[in-house]
């Protein structure tokens, strides 16, 4: 389906805009699942100032969504009405060490932040080496793995509000909880500052190798997937609950529960967004029937379903 083209009106109302506006741009290539419909408008800002300029002048009635590298995202097949903002590495991808701290733009990959820290003998960020996303998503979801979480190392984050105001959040301001933060969802994070600790380089490299080995041996990282599908309920592992419900390898259309790790859904080649979301909801229902536990989505889902 195609949405009404509003890009020309937006451009004429924002003569100082430097970023790129595209109408009815497919979002499937921007997600790891490789599924989903178009964005009514896809905006790639040039930098933080350009982002603030755009949001300040964007009519409030137009909805806004932000996507990163699409590693933890399902876009529904009908696409996304309004504006989808994608921060590019060119404007938001710088990563640099500053003493025992690392400053990173939110388009930077988590893995690159871990590597930059390691090169500067900064320990404590090795867990990012095993998270296949970008820093923006890590801030929003309090991303963590292998015993570490974003809340453990973040000093502060910068962002832009829906009204175009630049704001800074301390660690406490982020109101981190398990796989989420309490910052208003309309805020678009633009950079983050982390503090680690000076550590022996061999210790850091050993830890990063352990993280990578865990990913390669326990997760289907070479499939079209979206990472961990459901949050771990208190006192339980989501994958164990899914396995106990008999869902390992279960399929809906072109979507399948991974044989390697039951908390990963994969696109076997021809899945639709509907297939993947339906599979996830089927898994949730079977786990509830089997154990009485309600699984909550960790993967974000945006857009509208096709009629």
C-alpha atoms as a PDB file:
ATOM      1  CA  UNK A   1       0.000   0.000   0.000  1.00  0.00           C
ATOM      2  CA  UNK A   2       0.990   3.639  -0.442  1.00  0.00           C
ATOM      3  CA  UNK A   3       0.301   6.594   1.833  1.00  0.00           C
ATOM      4  CA  UNK A   4      -0.530  10.141   0.699  1.00  0.00           C
ATOM      5  CA  UNK A   5       2.717  11.947  -0.135  1.00  0.00           C
ATOM      6  CA  UNK A   6       3.257  14.728   2.400  1.00  0.00           C
ATOM      7  CA  UNK A   7       6.987  15.110   1.818  1.00  0.00           C
ATOM      8  CA  UNK A   8       6.695  18.102  -0.535  1.00  0.00           C
ATOM      9  CA  UNK A   9       4.633  20.053   1.998  1.00  0.00           C
ATOM     10  CA  UNK A  10       7.128  19.268   4.752  1.00  0.00           C
ATOM     11  CA  UNK A  11      10.056  20.389   2.614  1.00  0.00           C
ATOM     12  CA  UNK A  12       8.399  23.673   1.706  1.00  0.00           C
ATOM     13  CA  UNK A  13       7.664  24.375   5.381  1.00  0.00           C
ATOM     14  CA  UNK A  14      11.278  23.671   6.361  1.00  0.00           C
ATOM     15  CA  UNK A  15      13.559  25.554   3.948  1.00  0.00           C
ATOM     16  CA  UNK A  16      16.565  25.123   6.237  1.00  0.00           C
ATOM     17  CA  UNK A  17      16.314  21.349   6.401  1.00  0.00           C
ATOM     18  CA  UNK A  18      19.559  19.575   5.475  1.00  0.00           C
ATOM     19  CA  UNK A  19      18.533  15.951   5.976  1.00  0.00           C
ATOM     20  CA  UNK A  20      16.797  13.670   3.485  1.00  0.00           C
ATOM     21  CA  UNK A  21      13.026  13.145   3.228  1.00  0.00           C
ATOM     22  CA  UNK A  22      11.721  10.161   1.252  1.00  0.00           C
ATOM     23  CA  UNK A  23       8.057   9.376   0.589  1.00  0.00           C
ATOM     24  CA  UNK A  24       6.652   5.835   0.829  1.00  0.00           C
ATOM     25  CA  UNK A  25      10.085   4.325   1.425  1.00  0.00           C
ATOM     26  CA  UNK A  26      10.210   0.597   2.142  1.00  0.00           C
ATOM     27  CA  UNK A  27      11.305  -0.222   5.691  1.00  0.00           C
ATOM     28  CA  UNK A  28      11.879  -3.943   5.145  1.00  0.00           C
ATOM     29  CA  UNK A  29      15.532  -3.506   4.082  1.00  0.00           C
ATOM     30  CA  UNK A  30      16.160  -1.554   7.297  1.00  0.00           C
ATOM     31  CA  UNK A  31      15.138  -4.418   9.609  1.00  0.00           C
ATOM     32  CA  UNK A  32      16.905  -7.657  10.416  1.00  0.00           C
ATOM     33  CA  UNK A  33      13.704  -9.611   9.762  1.00  0.00           C
ATOM     34  CA  UNK A  34      13.534  -8.042   6.265  1.00  0.00           C
ATOM     35  CA  UNK A  35       9.750  -7.634   6.467  1.00  0.00           C
ATOM     36  CA  UNK A  36       7.238  -4.791   6.603  1.00  0.00           C
ATOM     37  CA  UNK A  37       5.625  -2.053   4.569  1.00  0.00           C
ATOM     38  CA  UNK A  38       6.722   1.509   3.790  1.00  0.00           C
ATOM     39  CA  UNK A  39       7.105   4.615   5.891  1.00  0.00           C
ATOM     40  CA  UNK A  40       4.818   7.425   4.782  1.00  0.00           C
ATOM     41  CA  UNK A  41       7.909   9.619   5.189  1.00  0.00           C
ATOM     42  CA  UNK A  42      11.404   8.423   6.049  1.00  0.00           C
ATOM     43  CA  UNK A  43      13.597  11.224   7.417  1.00  0.00           C
ATOM     44  CA  UNK A  44      17.357  10.954   7.854  1.00  0.00           C
ATOM     45  CA  UNK A  45      18.597  14.066   9.703  1.00  0.00           C
ATOM     46  CA  UNK A  46      22.041  15.474   8.995  1.00  0.00           C
ATOM     47  CA  UNK A  47      22.884  15.966  12.683  1.00  0.00           C
ATOM     48  CA  UNK A  48      21.345  16.866  16.043  1.00  0.00           C
ATOM     49  CA  UNK A  49      20.655  20.480  15.027  1.00  0.00           C
ATOM     50  CA  UNK A  50      18.880  19.299  11.876  1.00  0.00           C
ATOM     51  CA  UNK A  51      16.800  16.849  13.904  1.00  0.00           C
ATOM     52  CA  UNK A  52      15.770  19.587  16.347  1.00  0.00           C
ATOM     53  CA  UNK A  53      14.906  21.933  13.477  1.00  0.00           C
ATOM     54  CA  UNK A  54      12.716  19.277  11.851  1.00  0.00           C
ATOM     55  CA  UNK A  55      10.841  18.313  15.013  1.00  0.00           C
ATOM     56  CA  UNK A  56      10.269  21.944  16.001  1.00  0.00           C
ATOM     57  CA  UNK A  57       8.503  22.579  12.692  1.00  0.00           C
ATOM     58  CA  UNK A  58       6.737  19.248  12.221  1.00  0.00           C
ATOM     59  CA  UNK A  59       2.981  19.557  12.873  1.00  0.00           C
ATOM     60  CA  UNK A  60       2.162  17.969  16.199  1.00  0.00           C
ATOM     61  CA  UNK A  61      -0.613  15.823  14.726  1.00  0.00           C
ATOM     62  CA  UNK A  62       1.878  13.875  12.594  1.00  0.00           C
ATOM     63  CA  UNK A  63       3.096  10.780  14.462  1.00  0.00           C
ATOM     64  CA  UNK A  64       6.833  10.122  14.738  1.00  0.00           C
ATOM     65  CA  UNK A  65       8.669   6.809  15.113  1.00  0.00           C
ATOM     66  CA  UNK A  66      12.386   6.199  15.434  1.00  0.00           C
ATOM     67  CA  UNK A  67      14.261   3.170  14.125  1.00  0.00           C
ATOM     68  CA  UNK A  68      17.892   2.206  14.499  1.00  0.00           C
ATOM     69  CA  UNK A  69      19.523  -0.726  12.752  1.00  0.00           C
ATOM     70  CA  UNK A  70      16.259  -2.669  13.000  1.00  0.00           C
ATOM     71  CA  UNK A  71      17.705  -5.562  14.986  1.00  0.00           C
ATOM     72  CA  UNK A  72      14.846  -5.593  17.501  1.00  0.00           C
ATOM     73  CA  UNK A  73      11.909  -4.524  15.354  1.00  0.00           C
ATOM     74  CA  UNK A  74       8.899  -5.871  13.484  1.00  0.00           C
ATOM     75  CA  UNK A  75       7.388  -3.514  10.919  1.00  0.00           C
ATOM     76  CA  UNK A  76       3.840  -4.554  10.061  1.00  0.00           C
ATOM     77  CA  UNK A  77       2.989  -5.175   6.411  1.00  0.00           C
ATOM     78  CA  UNK A  78       0.742  -2.119   5.988  1.00  0.00           C
ATOM     79  CA  UNK A  79       3.621   0.211   6.784  1.00  0.00           C
ATOM     80  CA  UNK A  80       3.904   3.172   9.128  1.00  0.00           C
ATOM     81  CA  UNK A  81       1.765   6.293   8.864  1.00  0.00           C
ATOM     82  CA  UNK A  82       3.535   9.543   9.687  1.00  0.00           C
ATOM     83  CA  UNK A  83       7.281  10.083   9.888  1.00  0.00           C
ATOM     84  CA  UNK A  84       9.893   7.427  10.585  1.00  0.00           C
ATOM     85  CA  UNK A  85      13.227   8.911  11.663  1.00  0.00           C
ATOM     86  CA  UNK A  86      16.420   6.975  11.139  1.00  0.00           C
ATOM     87  CA  UNK A  87      19.662   8.388  12.518  1.00  0.00           C
ATOM     88  CA  UNK A  88      22.615   7.704  10.225  1.00  0.00           C
ATOM     89  CA  UNK A  89      26.185   6.857  11.255  1.00  0.00           C
ATOM     90  CA  UNK A  90      27.378   9.920   9.314  1.00  0.00           C
ATOM     91  CA  UNK A  91      25.601  12.332  11.651  1.00  0.00           C
ATOM     92  CA  UNK A  92      25.219  10.256  14.798  1.00  0.00           C
ATOM     93  CA  UNK A  93      27.859   7.537  14.629  1.00  0.00           C
ATOM     94  CA  UNK A  94      30.986   9.026  16.205  1.00  0.00           C
ATOM     95  CA  UNK A  95      32.551   7.050  19.058  1.00  0.00           C
ATOM     96  CA  UNK A  96      35.563   8.233  21.052  1.00  0.00           C
ATOM     97  CA  UNK A  97      37.299   7.469  24.329  1.00  0.00           C
ATOM     98  CA  UNK A  98      37.779  10.239  26.896  1.00  0.00           C
ATOM     99  CA  UNK A  99      39.921   9.048  29.801  1.00  0.00           C
ATOM    100  CA  UNK A 100      37.941   6.274  31.462  1.00  0.00           C
ATOM    101  CA  UNK A 101      34.788   7.254  29.555  1.00  0.00           C
ATOM    102  CA  UNK A 102      33.384   6.621  26.069  1.00  0.00           C
ATOM    103  CA  UNK A 103      31.150   9.054  24.201  1.00  0.00           C
ATOM    104  CA  UNK A 104      28.994   7.639  21.423  1.00  0.00           C
ATOM    105  CA  UNK A 105      26.388   8.817  18.961  1.00  0.00           C
ATOM    106  CA  UNK A 106      23.212   6.785  19.049  1.00  0.00           C
ATOM    107  CA  UNK A 107      23.597   5.450  15.505  1.00  0.00           C
ATOM    108  CA  UNK A 108      26.833   3.732  16.553  1.00  0.00           C
ATOM    109  CA  UNK A 109      26.669  -0.026  16.923  1.00  0.00           C
ATOM    110  CA  UNK A 110      26.886  -1.376  20.461  1.00  0.00           C
ATOM    111  CA  UNK A 111      29.714  -3.628  19.292  1.00  0.00           C
ATOM    112  CA  UNK A 112      31.753  -0.634  18.099  1.00  0.00           C
ATOM    113  CA  UNK A 113      31.412   1.046  21.495  1.00  0.00           C
ATOM    114  CA  UNK A 114      32.786  -2.098  23.151  1.00  0.00           C
ATOM    115  CA  UNK A 115      35.674  -2.177  20.680  1.00  0.00           C
ATOM    116  CA  UNK A 116      36.492   1.506  21.218  1.00  0.00           C
ATOM    117  CA  UNK A 117      36.502   0.993  24.973  1.00  0.00           C
ATOM    118  CA  UNK A 118      38.742  -2.051  24.629  1.00  0.00           C
ATOM    119  CA  UNK A 119      41.234  -0.161  22.450  1.00  0.00           C
ATOM    120  CA  UNK A 120      41.510   2.457  25.218  1.00  0.00           C
ATOM    121  CA  UNK A 121      41.862  -0.188  27.975  1.00  0.00           C
ATOM    122  CA  UNK A 122      38.451   0.732  29.380  1.00  0.00           C
ATOM    123  CA  UNK A 123      36.701  -2.237  30.953  1.00  0.00           C
ATOM    124  CA  UNK A 124      33.063  -2.685  31.884  1.00  0.00           C
ATOM    125  CA  UNK A 125      31.519  -2.298  28.424  1.00  0.00           C
ATOM    126  CA  UNK A 126      32.420  -5.741  27.096  1.00  0.00           C
ATOM    127  CA  UNK A 127      28.782  -6.885  27.306  1.00  0.00           C
ATOM    128  CA  UNK A 128      27.936  -4.504  24.441  1.00  0.00           C
ATOM    129  CA  UNK A 129      30.098  -6.660  22.181  1.00  0.00           C
ATOM    130  CA  UNK A 130      27.325  -9.266  22.163  1.00  0.00           C
ATOM    131  CA  UNK A 131      24.339  -6.975  21.514  1.00  0.00           C
ATOM    132  CA  UNK A 132      23.409  -6.611  17.808  1.00  0.00           C
ATOM    133  CA  UNK A 133      21.912  -3.143  17.947  1.00  0.00           C
ATOM    134  CA  UNK A 134      22.751   0.540  18.135  1.00  0.00           C
ATOM    135  CA  UNK A 135      23.198   2.832  21.124  1.00  0.00           C
ATOM    136  CA  UNK A 136      19.826   4.515  20.656  1.00  0.00           C
ATOM    137  CA  UNK A 137      18.035   1.229  21.181  1.00  0.00           C
ATOM    138  CA  UNK A 138      20.342   0.348  24.051  1.00  0.00           C
ATOM    139  CA  UNK A 139      19.332   3.537  25.867  1.00  0.00           C
ATOM    140  CA  UNK A 140      15.637   3.068  25.225  1.00  0.00           C
ATOM    141  CA  UNK A 141      15.599  -0.595  26.260  1.00  0.00           C
ATOM    142  CA  UNK A 142      18.340  -0.692  28.902  1.00  0.00           C
ATOM    143  CA  UNK A 143      20.023  -3.260  26.698  1.00  0.00           C
ATOM    144  CA  UNK A 144      22.075  -5.879  28.445  1.00  0.00           C
ATOM    145  CA  UNK A 145      23.675  -9.285  28.038  1.00  0.00           C
ATOM    146  CA  UNK A 146      26.199 -11.553  29.685  1.00  0.00           C
ATOM    147  CA  UNK A 147      25.818 -10.019  33.118  1.00  0.00           C
ATOM    148  CA  UNK A 148      25.921  -6.328  32.165  1.00  0.00           C
ATOM    149  CA  UNK A 149      23.280  -3.683  31.475  1.00  0.00           C
ATOM    150  CA  UNK A 150      23.265  -0.155  30.099  1.00  0.00           C
ATOM    151  CA  UNK A 151      22.250   1.220  33.493  1.00  0.00           C
ATOM    152  CA  UNK A 152      25.501  -0.086  34.988  1.00  0.00           C
ATOM    153  CA  UNK A 153      27.750   2.141  32.855  1.00  0.00           C
ATOM    154  CA  UNK A 154      25.755   5.120  31.590  1.00  0.00           C
ATOM    155  CA  UNK A 155      26.677   8.580  32.884  1.00  0.00           C
ATOM    156  CA  UNK A 156      24.255  10.626  30.801  1.00  0.00           C
ATOM    157  CA  UNK A 157      22.311  10.662  27.548  1.00  0.00           C
ATOM    158  CA  UNK A 158      21.370  13.513  25.224  1.00  0.00           C
ATOM    159  CA  UNK A 159      18.210  13.698  23.176  1.00  0.00           C
ATOM    160  CA  UNK A 160      15.684  15.868  21.367  1.00  0.00           C
ATOM    161  CA  UNK A 161      12.047  16.172  22.432  1.00  0.00           C
ATOM    162  CA  UNK A 162       9.055  16.073  20.103  1.00  0.00           C
ATOM    163  CA  UNK A 163       8.987  19.878  20.354  1.00  0.00           C
ATOM    164  CA  UNK A 164      12.585  20.121  19.129  1.00  0.00           C
ATOM    165  CA  UNK A 165      14.186  20.904  22.500  1.00  0.00           C
ATOM    166  CA  UNK A 166      17.630  19.485  23.244  1.00  0.00           C
ATOM    167  CA  UNK A 167      17.736  17.783  26.645  1.00  0.00           C
ATOM    168  CA  UNK A 168      20.218  15.848  28.797  1.00  0.00           C
ATOM    169  CA  UNK A 169      19.352  12.949  31.109  1.00  0.00           C
ATOM    170  CA  UNK A 170      21.439  11.681  34.004  1.00  0.00           C
ATOM    171  CA  UNK A 171      21.513   7.973  34.777  1.00  0.00           C
ATOM    172  CA  UNK A 172      18.868   8.554  37.451  1.00  0.00           C
ATOM    173  CA  UNK A 173      16.742  10.588  35.016  1.00  0.00           C
ATOM    174  CA  UNK A 174      16.617   7.591  32.686  1.00  0.00           C
ATOM    175  CA  UNK A 175      14.581   5.618  35.259  1.00  0.00           C
ATOM    176  CA  UNK A 176      15.976   2.328  34.041  1.00  0.00           C
ATOM    177  CA  UNK A 177      14.139  -0.925  34.684  1.00  0.00           C
ATOM    178  CA  UNK A 178      14.592  -4.354  33.143  1.00  0.00           C
ATOM    179  CA  UNK A 179      14.702  -3.895  29.366  1.00  0.00           C
ATOM    180  CA  UNK A 180      13.179  -0.436  29.451  1.00  0.00           C
ATOM    181  CA  UNK A 181      13.682   3.170  30.487  1.00  0.00           C
ATOM    182  CA  UNK A 182      11.210   5.656  31.896  1.00  0.00           C
ATOM    183  CA  UNK A 183      12.037   8.538  29.556  1.00  0.00           C
ATOM    184  CA  UNK A 184       9.111   9.764  27.467  1.00  0.00           C
ATOM    185  CA  UNK A 185       8.968   7.635  24.329  1.00  0.00           C
ATOM    186  CA  UNK A 186       8.770  10.736  22.121  1.00  0.00           C
ATOM    187  CA  UNK A 187      12.340  11.711  23.028  1.00  0.00           C
ATOM    188  CA  UNK A 188      14.884  10.753  20.361  1.00  0.00           C
ATOM    189  CA  UNK A 189      18.267   9.984  21.912  1.00  0.00           C
ATOM    190  CA  UNK A 190      21.245  11.422  20.050  1.00  0.00           C
ATOM    191  CA  UNK A 191      24.327  10.544  22.139  1.00  0.00           C
ATOM    192  CA  UNK A 192      25.471   8.806  25.301  1.00  0.00           C
ATOM    193  CA  UNK A 193      28.383   9.057  27.721  1.00  0.00           C
ATOM    194  CA  UNK A 194      29.614   5.931  29.506  1.00  0.00           C
ATOM    195  CA  UNK A 195      32.110   5.429  32.299  1.00  0.00           C
ATOM    196  CA  UNK A 196      34.119   2.234  32.578  1.00  0.00           C
ATOM    197  CA  UNK A 197      37.295   1.477  34.476  1.00  0.00           C
ATOM    198  CA  UNK A 198      40.916   1.162  33.433  1.00  0.00           C
ATOM    199  CA  UNK A 199      41.506  -2.549  32.940  1.00  0.00           C
ATOM    200  CA  UNK A 200      44.265  -4.820  31.693  1.00  0.00           C
ATOM    201  CA  UNK A 201      43.767  -5.183  27.905  1.00  0.00           C
ATOM    202  CA  UNK A 202      44.137  -8.961  27.991  1.00  0.00           C
ATOM    203  CA  UNK A 203      41.334  -9.198  30.534  1.00  0.00           C
ATOM    204  CA  UNK A 204      39.061  -7.113  28.307  1.00  0.00           C
ATOM    205  CA  UNK A 205      39.853  -9.145  25.188  1.00  0.00           C
ATOM    206  CA  UNK A 206      39.276 -12.416  27.013  1.00  0.00           C
ATOM    207  CA  UNK A 207      35.897 -11.223  28.200  1.00  0.00           C
ATOM    208  CA  UNK A 208      34.908 -10.051  24.715  1.00  0.00           C
ATOM    209  CA  UNK A 209      35.913 -13.417  23.264  1.00  0.00           C
ATOM    210  CA  UNK A 210      33.688 -15.134  25.822  1.00  0.00           C
ATOM    211  CA  UNK A 211      30.772 -12.893  24.860  1.00  0.00           C
ATOM    212  CA  UNK A 212      31.273 -13.596  21.147  1.00  0.00           C
ATOM    213  CA  UNK A 213      31.601 -17.335  21.699  1.00  0.00           C
ATOM    214  CA  UNK A 214      28.332 -17.373  23.634  1.00  0.00           C
ATOM    215  CA  UNK A 215      26.531 -15.632  20.770  1.00  0.00           C
ATOM    216  CA  UNK A 216      27.916 -17.903  18.087  1.00  0.00           C
ATOM    217  CA  UNK A 217      27.215 -21.140  19.937  1.00  0.00           C
ATOM    218  CA  UNK A 218      23.853 -20.318  21.522  1.00  0.00           C
ATOM    219  CA  UNK A 219      22.064 -17.896  19.170  1.00  0.00           C
ATOM    220  CA  UNK A 220      21.000 -18.038  15.475  1.00  0.00           C
ATOM    221  CA  UNK A 221      23.008 -14.939  14.586  1.00  0.00           C
ATOM    222  CA  UNK A 222      23.288 -15.808  10.883  1.00  0.00           C
ATOM    223  CA  UNK A 223      19.517 -15.983  10.370  1.00  0.00           C
ATOM    224  CA  UNK A 224      17.016 -13.226   9.589  1.00  0.00           C
ATOM    225  CA  UNK A 225      15.988 -12.671  13.172  1.00  0.00           C
ATOM    226  CA  UNK A 226      15.222  -9.920  15.653  1.00  0.00           C
ATOM    227  CA  UNK A 227      17.172 -11.056  18.696  1.00  0.00           C
ATOM    228  CA  UNK A 228      15.459 -12.030  21.938  1.00  0.00           C
ATOM    229  CA  UNK A 229      11.721 -11.943  21.314  1.00  0.00           C
ATOM    230  CA  UNK A 230      10.348 -11.909  24.851  1.00  0.00           C
ATOM    231  CA  UNK A 231      11.557 -10.513  28.162  1.00  0.00           C
ATOM    232  CA  UNK A 232      12.552 -13.051  30.793  1.00  0.00           C
ATOM    233  CA  UNK A 233       9.765 -13.200  33.403  1.00  0.00           C
ATOM    234  CA  UNK A 234      10.969 -12.811  37.020  1.00  0.00           C
ATOM    235  CA  UNK A 235      12.589 -16.062  38.092  1.00  0.00           C
ATOM    236  CA  UNK A 236      12.247 -17.691  34.666  1.00  0.00           C
ATOM    237  CA  UNK A 237      13.989 -17.924  31.291  1.00  0.00           C
ATOM    238  CA  UNK A 238      11.705 -17.186  28.351  1.00  0.00           C
ATOM    239  CA  UNK A 239      13.375 -19.810  26.175  1.00  0.00           C
ATOM    240  CA  UNK A 240      12.810 -22.556  28.747  1.00  0.00           C
ATOM    241  CA  UNK A 241       9.124 -21.681  29.003  1.00  0.00           C
ATOM    242  CA  UNK A 242       8.791 -21.700  25.202  1.00  0.00           C
ATOM    243  CA  UNK A 243      10.606 -25.024  24.929  1.00  0.00           C
ATOM    244  CA  UNK A 244       8.473 -26.564  27.670  1.00  0.00           C
ATOM    245  CA  UNK A 245       5.365 -25.498  25.754  1.00  0.00           C
ATOM    246  CA  UNK A 246       6.542 -27.572  22.781  1.00  0.00           C
ATOM    247  CA  UNK A 247       7.192 -24.591  20.505  1.00  0.00           C
ATOM    248  CA  UNK A 248      10.779 -25.256  19.430  1.00  0.00           C
ATOM    249  CA  UNK A 249      10.771 -25.232  15.613  1.00  0.00           C
ATOM    250  CA  UNK A 250       7.073 -24.264  15.379  1.00  0.00           C
ATOM    251  CA  UNK A 251       6.133 -22.429  12.174  1.00  0.00           C
ATOM    252  CA  UNK A 252       3.581 -19.925  10.954  1.00  0.00           C
ATOM    253  CA  UNK A 253       3.942 -19.321   7.228  1.00  0.00           C
ATOM    254  CA  UNK A 254       7.573 -18.374   6.624  1.00  0.00           C
ATOM    255  CA  UNK A 255       8.276 -17.629  10.290  1.00  0.00           C
ATOM    256  CA  UNK A 256       9.764 -20.186  12.689  1.00  0.00           C
ATOM    257  CA  UNK A 257      10.769 -20.505  16.322  1.00  0.00           C
ATOM    258  CA  UNK A 258      14.511 -21.100  16.194  1.00  0.00           C
ATOM    259  CA  UNK A 259      15.663 -24.663  16.773  1.00  0.00           C
ATOM    260  CA  UNK A 260      18.870 -23.305  18.310  1.00  0.00           C
ATOM    261  CA  UNK A 261      17.333 -20.815  20.753  1.00  0.00           C
ATOM    262  CA  UNK A 262      13.583 -20.841  21.439  1.00  0.00           C
ATOM    263  CA  UNK A 263      13.427 -17.145  22.300  1.00  0.00           C
ATOM    264  CA  UNK A 264      14.455 -16.211  18.762  1.00  0.00           C
ATOM    265  CA  UNK A 265      12.015 -16.053  15.857  1.00  0.00           C
ATOM    266  CA  UNK A 266      13.443 -16.309  12.344  1.00  0.00           C
ATOM    267  CA  UNK A 267      12.343 -15.476   8.831  1.00  0.00           C
ATOM    268  CA  UNK A 268      13.060 -18.656   6.890  1.00  0.00           C
ATOM    269  CA  UNK A 269      12.978 -16.732   3.628  1.00  0.00           C
ATOM    270  CA  UNK A 270       9.459 -15.674   2.701  1.00  0.00           C
ATOM    271  CA  UNK A 271       7.851 -14.586   5.974  1.00  0.00           C
ATOM    272  CA  UNK A 272       5.637 -11.539   6.252  1.00  0.00           C
ATOM    273  CA  UNK A 273       5.413  -9.233   9.211  1.00  0.00           C
ATOM    274  CA  UNK A 274       2.043 -10.845   9.915  1.00  0.00           C
ATOM    275  CA  UNK A 275       3.635 -14.318   9.978  1.00  0.00           C
ATOM    276  CA  UNK A 276       6.248 -13.267  12.523  1.00  0.00           C
ATOM    277  CA  UNK A 277       3.879 -11.393  14.807  1.00  0.00           C
ATOM    278  CA  UNK A 278       1.282 -14.173  14.624  1.00  0.00           C
ATOM    279  CA  UNK A 279       3.962 -16.704  15.508  1.00  0.00           C
ATOM    280  CA  UNK A 280       4.969 -14.616  18.508  1.00  0.00           C
ATOM    281  CA  UNK A 281       1.386 -14.328  19.728  1.00  0.00           C
ATOM    282  CA  UNK A 282       0.909 -18.076  19.245  1.00  0.00           C
ATOM    283  CA  UNK A 283       4.002 -18.710  21.365  1.00  0.00           C
ATOM    284  CA  UNK A 284       2.637 -16.413  24.085  1.00  0.00           C
ATOM    285  CA  UNK A 285      -0.703 -18.243  24.095  1.00  0.00           C
ATOM    286  CA  UNK A 286       0.906 -21.696  24.291  1.00  0.00           C
ATOM    287  CA  UNK A 287       3.203 -20.642  27.135  1.00  0.00           C
ATOM    288  CA  UNK A 288       0.246 -19.215  29.035  1.00  0.00           C
ATOM    289  CA  UNK A 289      -1.676 -22.475  28.543  1.00  0.00           C
ATOM    290  CA  UNK A 290       1.295 -24.571  29.628  1.00  0.00           C
ATOM    291  CA  UNK A 291       2.697 -22.587  32.546  1.00  0.00           C
ATOM    292  CA  UNK A 292       0.273 -19.783  33.334  1.00  0.00           C
ATOM    293  CA  UNK A 293       3.019 -17.226  32.666  1.00  0.00           C
ATOM    294  CA  UNK A 294       2.408 -14.204  30.451  1.00  0.00           C
ATOM    295  CA  UNK A 295       5.370 -13.462  28.192  1.00  0.00           C
ATOM    296  CA  UNK A 296       5.914  -9.799  27.284  1.00  0.00           C
ATOM    297  CA  UNK A 297       7.365  -8.724  23.949  1.00  0.00           C
ATOM    298  CA  UNK A 298      10.906  -7.393  23.988  1.00  0.00           C
ATOM    299  CA  UNK A 299      10.856  -6.821  20.229  1.00  0.00           C
ATOM    300  CA  UNK A 300       9.169  -3.571  19.235  1.00  0.00           C
ATOM    301  CA  UNK A 301       6.291  -3.686  16.732  1.00  0.00           C
ATOM    302  CA  UNK A 302       5.189  -0.652  14.711  1.00  0.00           C
ATOM    303  CA  UNK A 303       2.851   0.113  11.851  1.00  0.00           C
ATOM    304  CA  UNK A 304      -0.494  -1.178  10.684  1.00  0.00           C
ATOM    305  CA  UNK A 305      -1.520  -4.610   9.460  1.00  0.00           C
ATOM    306  CA  UNK A 306      -2.777  -5.093   5.940  1.00  0.00           C
ATOM    307  CA  UNK A 307      -6.576  -5.488   5.673  1.00  0.00           C
END
